[in-house]
Amino acid sequence: MTLRRTLLLTALISMAPTALVLAQTDPQTSTTSPSSASSPHQRDSTQTNSPEASSTDSTSSTNPSAASSPHQQQSTKDSTHMASKASMRDCIAKQQADNQGMSKADAKKACKAQMKGNSG
């Protein structure tokens, strides 16, 4: 009986790599066409192309008012404001590094003028 169990165990172990290789093969791709959809509506939906949003659309992701809830709108405005503050800090630091002895107020004025010129 021990020999029988040993042979059975050996047979199972030798088949394990084959099962592993078969389990890793890629699934066959489906070649279903829109005509195989269940309902006429599904067939119509899969055959027509949906129009894409315009990049100049007022619902653009760069427009904070395009967010769907007041909380999202405020969050978007806050993150834009934080980015603006960070760029202002960077600009002030650069102005002071480039112009030794420049006061923080003068650097801030220069940065505001620079940012106003860039946005217009």
Protein backbone atom coordinates (compact mmCIF):
# COMPACT_ATOMS: atom_id res chain seq x y z
CA MET A 1 0.00 0.00 0.00
CA THR A 2 2.85 2.40 0.66
CA LEU A 3 4.21 1.86 -2.87
CA ARG A 4 0.78 2.60 -4.29
CA ARG A 5 0.50 5.88 -2.36
CA THR A 6 4.00 6.88 -3.40
CA LEU A 7 3.22 6.26 -7.07
CA LEU A 8 -0.05 8.19 -6.80
CA LEU A 9 1.70 11.11 -5.12
CA THR A 10 4.44 11.08 -7.75
CA ALA A 11 1.85 11.09 -10.54
CA LEU A 12 0.00 14.04 -8.99
CA ILE A 13 3.21 16.01 -8.51
CA SER A 14 4.29 15.39 -12.10
CA MET A 15 0.94 16.71 -13.42
CA ALA A 16 1.03 19.92 -11.34
CA PRO A 17 3.31 21.89 -13.74
CA THR A 18 1.05 21.00 -16.66
CA ALA A 19 -2.01 22.28 -14.81
CA LEU A 20 -0.15 25.46 -13.94
CA VAL A 21 0.81 26.08 -17.58
CA LEU A 22 -2.75 25.49 -18.76
CA ALA A 23 -4.12 27.86 -16.13
CA GLN A 24 -1.85 30.66 -17.38
CA THR A 25 -2.91 30.60 -21.03
CA ASP A 26 -4.64 33.71 -22.37
CA PRO A 27 -8.41 33.55 -22.77
CA GLN A 28 -9.69 33.60 -26.31
CA THR A 29 -10.83 36.99 -27.51
CA SER A 30 -14.49 37.48 -28.16
CA THR A 31 -15.48 38.46 -31.67
CA THR A 32 -19.07 39.41 -30.92
CA SER A 33 -20.64 41.95 -33.18
CA PRO A 34 -23.24 44.59 -32.32
CA SER A 35 -25.86 42.41 -33.98
CA SER A 36 -25.47 39.86 -31.17
CA ALA A 37 -26.81 42.36 -28.59
CA SER A 38 -29.97 41.34 -26.81
CA SER A 39 -32.34 44.10 -27.75
CA PRO A 40 -32.85 46.50 -30.67
CA HIS A 41 -31.93 49.40 -28.37
CA GLN A 42 -28.61 47.76 -27.50
CA ARG A 43 -27.88 47.19 -31.18
CA ASP A 44 -28.65 50.85 -31.95
CA SER A 45 -26.50 52.03 -29.04
CA THR A 46 -23.49 50.00 -30.10
CA GLN A 47 -23.66 51.12 -33.71
CA THR A 48 -23.91 54.90 -33.19
CA ASN A 49 -20.98 57.02 -32.04
CA SER A 50 -21.46 59.36 -29.10
CA PRO A 51 -20.32 62.95 -29.58
CA GLU A 52 -17.30 63.92 -27.54
CA ALA A 53 -17.20 66.99 -25.33
CA SER A 54 -15.58 70.07 -26.79
CA SER A 55 -12.31 71.23 -25.26
CA THR A 56 -13.78 74.74 -25.07
CA ASP A 57 -16.92 73.50 -23.36
CA SER A 58 -17.95 75.34 -20.19
CA THR A 59 -18.05 71.98 -18.40
CA SER A 60 -14.30 71.58 -18.85
CA SER A 61 -12.41 70.10 -15.92
CA THR A 62 -10.44 73.35 -15.61
CA ASN A 63 -13.61 75.24 -14.76
CA PRO A 64 -14.39 74.91 -11.01
CA SER A 65 -18.10 75.46 -11.66
CA ALA A 66 -18.14 72.24 -13.72
CA ALA A 67 -17.92 70.14 -10.55
CA SER A 68 -21.14 68.39 -9.73
CA SER A 69 -21.63 69.40 -6.09
CA PRO A 70 -21.01 72.57 -4.07
CA HIS A 71 -18.43 70.68 -2.01
CA GLN A 72 -16.56 69.63 -5.15
CA GLN A 73 -16.71 73.19 -6.47
CA GLN A 74 -15.25 74.56 -3.25
CA SER A 75 -12.61 71.85 -3.14
CA THR A 76 -11.56 72.64 -6.70
CA LYS A 77 -11.37 76.36 -5.93
CA ASP A 78 -9.36 75.64 -2.77
CA SER A 79 -6.83 73.49 -4.62
CA THR A 80 -6.50 76.13 -7.35
CA HIS A 81 -5.97 78.79 -4.67
CA MET A 82 -3.35 76.63 -2.92
CA ALA A 83 -1.48 76.10 -6.20
CA SER A 84 -1.59 79.85 -6.80
CA LYS A 85 -0.19 80.56 -3.33
CA ALA A 86 2.59 78.01 -3.85
CA SER A 87 3.56 79.53 -7.19
CA MET A 88 3.55 82.99 -5.59
CA ARG A 89 5.87 81.78 -2.81
CA ASP A 90 8.19 80.24 -5.40
CA CYS A 91 8.17 83.44 -7.43
CA ILE A 92 8.96 85.62 -4.38
CA ALA A 93 11.83 83.32 -3.41
CA LYS A 94 13.21 83.44 -6.96
CA GLN A 95 12.90 87.24 -7.14
CA GLN A 96 14.76 87.63 -3.85
CA ALA A 97 17.44 85.15 -4.94
CA ASP A 98 17.92 86.93 -8.27
CA ASN A 99 17.91 90.43 -6.73
CA GLN A 100 19.96 90.47 -3.54
CA GLY A 101 18.58 92.90 -0.96
CA MET A 102 15.08 93.03 -2.49
CA SER A 103 12.37 93.27 0.17
CA LYS A 104 9.63 90.68 0.35
CA ALA A 105 7.03 93.35 -0.44
CA ASP A 106 8.91 94.43 -3.58
CA ALA A 107 9.33 90.81 -4.66
CA LYS A 108 5.60 90.22 -4.13
CA LYS A 109 4.74 93.27 -6.27
CA ALA A 110 7.04 92.05 -9.02
CA CYS A 111 5.48 88.59 -8.90
CA LYS A 112 1.94 89.97 -9.00
CA ALA A 113 2.84 92.05 -12.03
CA GLN A 114 4.47 89.04 -13.66
CA MET A 115 1.46 86.78 -12.99
CA LYS A 116 -0.96 89.44 -14.22
CA GLY A 117 1.08 89.70 -17.41
CA ASN A 118 1.07 85.90 -17.87
CA SER A 119 -2.68 85.49 -17.36
CA GLY A 120 -3.71 88.20 -19.84
